[in-house]
């Protein structure tokens, strides 16, 4: 996903890369500094994704997955206001159960890893 994000500079690969970084923090026997680096890198990627998506939204290239990605990124950055805003946009624009479930699973994993209630 990192390679895809660097080459394609798209939010899909970026969000998956960020999620993988966070999931990697759960591996046993990691050093504290490695865990901190992984979290830092994930936040950095989220900031880049937000900038990318804000540009796409300004250009009217909007789909509901962009909202889900923005919500996830803002959650990772612990920006509650924007997290809630984009989560509401995502949920208002899809009724497909597997998409909602996938989104909610990602949010639950992110909250658990980052110890957000």
C-alpha atoms as a PDB file:
ATOM      1  CA  UNK A   1       0.000   0.000   0.000  1.00  0.00           C
ATOM      2  CA  UNK A   2       2.875   2.380   0.702  1.00  0.00           C
ATOM      3  CA  UNK A   3       4.243   1.894  -2.788  1.00  0.00           C
ATOM      4  CA  UNK A   4       0.771   2.357  -4.285  1.00  0.00           C
ATOM      5  CA  UNK A   5       0.240   5.530  -2.274  1.00  0.00           C
ATOM      6  CA  UNK A   6       3.590   6.964  -3.359  1.00  0.00           C
ATOM      7  CA  UNK A   7       3.111   6.072  -7.020  1.00  0.00           C
ATOM      8  CA  UNK A   8      -0.598   6.795  -7.443  1.00  0.00           C
ATOM      9  CA  UNK A   9      -0.990   9.443  -4.717  1.00  0.00           C
ATOM     10  CA  UNK A  10      -4.549   8.308  -4.092  1.00  0.00           C
ATOM     11  CA  UNK A  11      -6.614   8.140  -0.941  1.00  0.00           C
ATOM     12  CA  UNK A  12      -7.520   4.461  -1.345  1.00  0.00           C
ATOM     13  CA  UNK A  13      -3.935   3.219  -1.076  1.00  0.00           C
ATOM     14  CA  UNK A  14      -3.153   5.909   1.482  1.00  0.00           C
ATOM     15  CA  UNK A  15      -5.926   4.900   3.849  1.00  0.00           C
ATOM     16  CA  UNK A  16      -5.002   1.236   3.575  1.00  0.00           C
ATOM     17  CA  UNK A  17      -1.341   2.082   4.204  1.00  0.00           C
ATOM     18  CA  UNK A  18      -2.272   4.157   7.253  1.00  0.00           C
ATOM     19  CA  UNK A  19      -4.489   1.360   8.586  1.00  0.00           C
ATOM     20  CA  UNK A  20      -1.724  -1.205   8.071  1.00  0.00           C
ATOM     21  CA  UNK A  21       0.701   0.985  10.009  1.00  0.00           C
ATOM     22  CA  UNK A  22      -1.732   1.134  12.922  1.00  0.00           C
ATOM     23  CA  UNK A  23      -2.437  -2.592  12.781  1.00  0.00           C
ATOM     24  CA  UNK A  24       1.296  -3.288  12.800  1.00  0.00           C
ATOM     25  CA  UNK A  25       1.551  -1.571  16.199  1.00  0.00           C
ATOM     26  CA  UNK A  26      -0.328  -4.566  17.610  1.00  0.00           C
ATOM     27  CA  UNK A  27       2.422  -7.041  16.758  1.00  0.00           C
ATOM     28  CA  UNK A  28       3.999  -8.569  19.835  1.00  0.00           C
ATOM     29  CA  UNK A  29       7.569  -7.730  20.816  1.00  0.00           C
ATOM     30  CA  UNK A  30       7.778  -4.343  19.112  1.00  0.00           C
ATOM     31  CA  UNK A  31       9.990  -1.740  20.698  1.00  0.00           C
ATOM     32  CA  UNK A  32       8.257   1.355  22.082  1.00  0.00           C
ATOM     33  CA  UNK A  33      10.053   3.623  19.608  1.00  0.00           C
ATOM     34  CA  UNK A  34       8.897   1.464  16.683  1.00  0.00           C
ATOM     35  CA  UNK A  35       5.271   1.678  17.871  1.00  0.00           C
ATOM     36  CA  UNK A  36       5.580   5.451  18.194  1.00  0.00           C
ATOM     37  CA  UNK A  37       7.095   5.700  14.712  1.00  0.00           C
ATOM     38  CA  UNK A  38       4.277   3.630  13.195  1.00  0.00           C
ATOM     39  CA  UNK A  39       1.658   5.851  14.823  1.00  0.00           C
ATOM     40  CA  UNK A  40       3.505   8.992  13.722  1.00  0.00           C
ATOM     41  CA  UNK A  41       3.779   7.736  10.130  1.00  0.00           C
ATOM     42  CA  UNK A  42       0.079   6.843  10.116  1.00  0.00           C
ATOM     43  CA  UNK A  43      -0.837  10.373  11.238  1.00  0.00           C
ATOM     44  CA  UNK A  44       1.461  11.857   8.608  1.00  0.00           C
ATOM     45  CA  UNK A  45      -0.207   9.792   5.889  1.00  0.00           C
ATOM     46  CA  UNK A  46      -3.645  10.824   7.174  1.00  0.00           C
ATOM     47  CA  UNK A  47      -2.672  14.487   6.929  1.00  0.00           C
ATOM     48  CA  UNK A  48      -1.537  13.937   3.338  1.00  0.00           C
ATOM     49  CA  UNK A  49      -4.786  12.137   2.492  1.00  0.00           C
ATOM     50  CA  UNK A  50      -6.854  14.982   3.940  1.00  0.00           C
ATOM     51  CA  UNK A  51      -5.006  17.489   1.765  1.00  0.00           C
ATOM     52  CA  UNK A  52      -5.496  15.284  -1.285  1.00  0.00           C
ATOM     53  CA  UNK A  53      -9.208  14.787  -0.638  1.00  0.00           C
ATOM     54  CA  UNK A  54      -9.850  18.449   0.124  1.00  0.00           C
ATOM     55  CA  UNK A  55      -8.411  19.223  -3.301  1.00  0.00           C
ATOM     56  CA  UNK A  56     -10.631  16.578  -4.926  1.00  0.00           C
ATOM     57  CA  UNK A  57     -13.705  17.926  -3.147  1.00  0.00           C
ATOM     58  CA  UNK A  58     -12.905  21.459  -4.328  1.00  0.00           C
ATOM     59  CA  UNK A  59     -12.780  20.028  -7.861  1.00  0.00           C
ATOM     60  CA  UNK A  60     -16.205  18.403  -7.250  1.00  0.00           C
ATOM     61  CA  UNK A  61     -14.776  14.863  -7.513  1.00  0.00           C
ATOM     62  CA  UNK A  62     -16.831  13.495  -4.637  1.00  0.00           C
ATOM     63  CA  UNK A  63     -17.953  10.004  -3.751  1.00  0.00           C
ATOM     64  CA  UNK A  64     -19.122   8.684  -0.422  1.00  0.00           C
ATOM     65  CA  UNK A  65     -15.937   6.657   0.158  1.00  0.00           C
ATOM     66  CA  UNK A  66     -14.070   9.954   0.301  1.00  0.00           C
ATOM     67  CA  UNK A  67     -16.238  10.876   3.275  1.00  0.00           C
ATOM     68  CA  UNK A  68     -15.475   7.565   4.979  1.00  0.00           C
ATOM     69  CA  UNK A  69     -11.766   8.078   4.409  1.00  0.00           C
ATOM     70  CA  UNK A  70     -11.885  11.642   5.707  1.00  0.00           C
ATOM     71  CA  UNK A  71     -13.726  10.472   8.819  1.00  0.00           C
ATOM     72  CA  UNK A  72     -11.128   7.773   9.435  1.00  0.00           C
ATOM     73  CA  UNK A  73      -8.240  10.197   8.895  1.00  0.00           C
ATOM     74  CA  UNK A  74      -9.704  12.835  11.187  1.00  0.00           C
ATOM     75  CA  UNK A  75     -10.296  10.165  13.828  1.00  0.00           C
ATOM     76  CA  UNK A  76      -6.647   9.141  13.546  1.00  0.00           C
ATOM     77  CA  UNK A  77      -5.694  12.793  14.078  1.00  0.00           C
ATOM     78  CA  UNK A  78      -8.149  12.973  17.002  1.00  0.00           C
ATOM     79  CA  UNK A  79     -10.159  15.754  15.361  1.00  0.00           C
ATOM     80  CA  UNK A  80     -13.582  14.826  16.740  1.00  0.00           C
ATOM     81  CA  UNK A  81     -15.530  17.606  15.002  1.00  0.00           C
ATOM     82  CA  UNK A  82     -14.386  16.702  11.479  1.00  0.00           C
ATOM     83  CA  UNK A  83     -14.548  12.980  12.226  1.00  0.00           C
ATOM     84  CA  UNK A  84     -18.228  13.305  13.119  1.00  0.00           C
ATOM     85  CA  UNK A  85     -18.935  15.616  10.176  1.00  0.00           C
ATOM     86  CA  UNK A  86     -17.544  13.234   7.566  1.00  0.00           C
ATOM     87  CA  UNK A  87     -18.923  10.128   9.230  1.00  0.00           C
ATOM     88  CA  UNK A  88     -22.393  11.685   8.975  1.00  0.00           C
ATOM     89  CA  UNK A  89     -21.784  12.473   5.288  1.00  0.00           C
ATOM     90  CA  UNK A  90     -20.693   8.899   4.600  1.00  0.00           C
ATOM     91  CA  UNK A  91     -23.643   7.350   6.437  1.00  0.00           C
ATOM     92  CA  UNK A  92     -26.072   9.731   4.703  1.00  0.00           C
ATOM     93  CA  UNK A  93     -24.791   8.700   1.278  1.00  0.00           C
ATOM     94  CA  UNK A  94     -24.803   4.909   1.472  1.00  0.00           C
ATOM     95  CA  UNK A  95     -27.302   2.305   2.539  1.00  0.00           C
ATOM     96  CA  UNK A  96     -25.273  -0.732   1.522  1.00  0.00           C
ATOM     97  CA  UNK A  97     -24.849  -2.782   4.675  1.00  0.00           C
ATOM     98  CA  UNK A  98     -21.437  -4.341   3.923  1.00  0.00           C
ATOM     99  CA  UNK A  99     -19.965  -0.892   3.227  1.00  0.00           C
ATOM    100  CA  UNK A 100     -21.292   0.482   6.495  1.00  0.00           C
ATOM    101  CA  UNK A 101     -20.063  -2.592   8.365  1.00  0.00           C
ATOM    102  CA  UNK A 102     -16.606  -2.345   6.779  1.00  0.00           C
ATOM    103  CA  UNK A 103     -16.390   1.323   7.728  1.00  0.00           C
ATOM    104  CA  UNK A 104     -17.522   0.657  11.306  1.00  0.00           C
ATOM    105  CA  UNK A 105     -14.989  -2.165  11.700  1.00  0.00           C
ATOM    106  CA  UNK A 106     -12.183   0.136  10.571  1.00  0.00           C
ATOM    107  CA  UNK A 107     -13.345   2.834  12.984  1.00  0.00           C
ATOM    108  CA  UNK A 108     -13.555   0.324  15.856  1.00  0.00           C
ATOM    109  CA  UNK A 109     -10.033  -0.958  15.132  1.00  0.00           C
ATOM    110  CA  UNK A 110      -8.662   2.586  14.940  1.00  0.00           C
ATOM    111  CA  UNK A 111     -10.315   3.591  18.214  1.00  0.00           C
ATOM    112  CA  UNK A 112      -8.996   0.482  19.955  1.00  0.00           C
ATOM    113  CA  UNK A 113      -5.438   0.968  18.726  1.00  0.00           C
ATOM    114  CA  UNK A 114      -5.367   4.692  19.511  1.00  0.00           C
ATOM    115  CA  UNK A 115      -7.286   4.175  22.773  1.00  0.00           C
ATOM    116  CA  UNK A 116     -10.094   6.528  21.787  1.00  0.00           C
ATOM    117  CA  UNK A 117     -13.498   6.036  23.380  1.00  0.00           C
END
